[in-house]
Amino acid sequence: MSRYTGLFALALLLLINFPLLSFFNTSKSWAGIPVLYFYLFALWLALILGLALATKPNKNNTKT
């Protein structure tokens, strides 16, 4: 489980790195939202959902 959260955190850090942020920093908008803000909020949502799935308790893990 910690391996997946580590890989997910590394991927997130790479996606928030400067070259990709500058790619989305345009004057265009999508549904009235600037593309950069949409990209950042989509990454934030992906972080929340990914960590929720990674930390979900395993149903097959039974303690005796």
Protein backbone atom coordinates (compact mmCIF):
# COMPACT_ATOMS: atom_id res chain seq x y z
CA MET A 1 0.00 0.00 0.00
CA SER A 2 2.74 2.50 0.88
CA ARG A 3 4.47 1.67 -2.40
CA TYR A 4 1.44 2.84 -4.37
CA THR A 5 1.03 6.01 -2.34
CA GLY A 6 4.72 6.78 -2.89
CA LEU A 7 4.42 6.28 -6.63
CA PHE A 8 1.25 8.34 -6.68
CA ALA A 9 2.96 11.17 -4.78
CA LEU A 10 5.92 11.09 -7.16
CA ALA A 11 3.61 11.23 -10.18
CA LEU A 12 1.74 14.13 -8.63
CA LEU A 13 4.96 16.04 -8.01
CA LEU A 14 5.98 15.52 -11.63
CA LEU A 15 2.59 16.74 -12.85
CA ILE A 16 2.83 19.92 -10.74
CA ASN A 17 6.35 20.65 -11.97
CA PHE A 18 7.04 23.91 -13.83
CA PRO A 19 7.16 22.70 -17.46
CA LEU A 20 3.66 21.23 -17.31
CA LEU A 21 2.24 24.18 -15.40
CA SER A 22 3.60 26.58 -18.02
CA PHE A 23 1.98 24.43 -20.71
CA PHE A 24 -1.46 24.97 -19.13
CA ASN A 25 -0.88 28.65 -18.36
CA THR A 26 -2.74 30.07 -21.34
CA SER A 27 -5.36 32.76 -21.77
CA LYS A 28 -7.90 30.17 -22.90
CA SER A 29 -10.68 28.89 -20.68
CA TRP A 30 -12.77 25.76 -20.49
CA ALA A 31 -16.39 26.22 -19.37
CA GLY A 32 -15.45 29.68 -18.13
CA ILE A 33 -12.61 28.36 -15.96
CA PRO A 34 -9.00 29.18 -16.88
CA VAL A 35 -7.19 26.06 -18.10
CA LEU A 36 -4.49 26.31 -15.41
CA TYR A 37 -7.05 26.42 -12.60
CA PHE A 38 -8.98 23.53 -14.13
CA TYR A 39 -5.78 21.48 -14.38
CA LEU A 40 -4.80 22.18 -10.76
CA PHE A 41 -8.25 21.36 -9.39
CA ALA A 42 -8.41 18.17 -11.48
CA LEU A 43 -5.05 17.11 -10.01
CA TRP A 44 -6.30 17.94 -6.53
CA LEU A 45 -9.38 15.79 -7.09
CA ALA A 46 -7.21 12.97 -8.44
CA LEU A 47 -5.03 13.21 -5.33
CA ILE A 48 -8.02 12.93 -3.01
CA LEU A 49 -9.57 10.03 -4.91
CA GLY A 50 -6.27 8.20 -5.35
CA LEU A 51 -5.38 8.42 -1.68
CA ALA A 52 -8.89 7.39 -0.66
CA LEU A 53 -8.61 4.28 -2.83
CA ALA A 54 -5.06 3.53 -1.66
CA THR A 55 -5.95 3.76 2.03
CA LYS A 56 -9.23 1.88 1.77
CA PRO A 57 -9.24 -1.04 4.20
CA ASN A 58 -8.87 -4.48 2.70
CA LYS A 59 -12.01 -6.63 3.18
CA ASN A 60 -9.99 -9.86 2.95
CA ASN A 61 -7.74 -8.86 5.84
CA THR A 62 -9.21 -10.58 8.87
CA LYS A 63 -7.58 -10.43 12.27
CA THR A 64 -7.69 -13.49 14.50
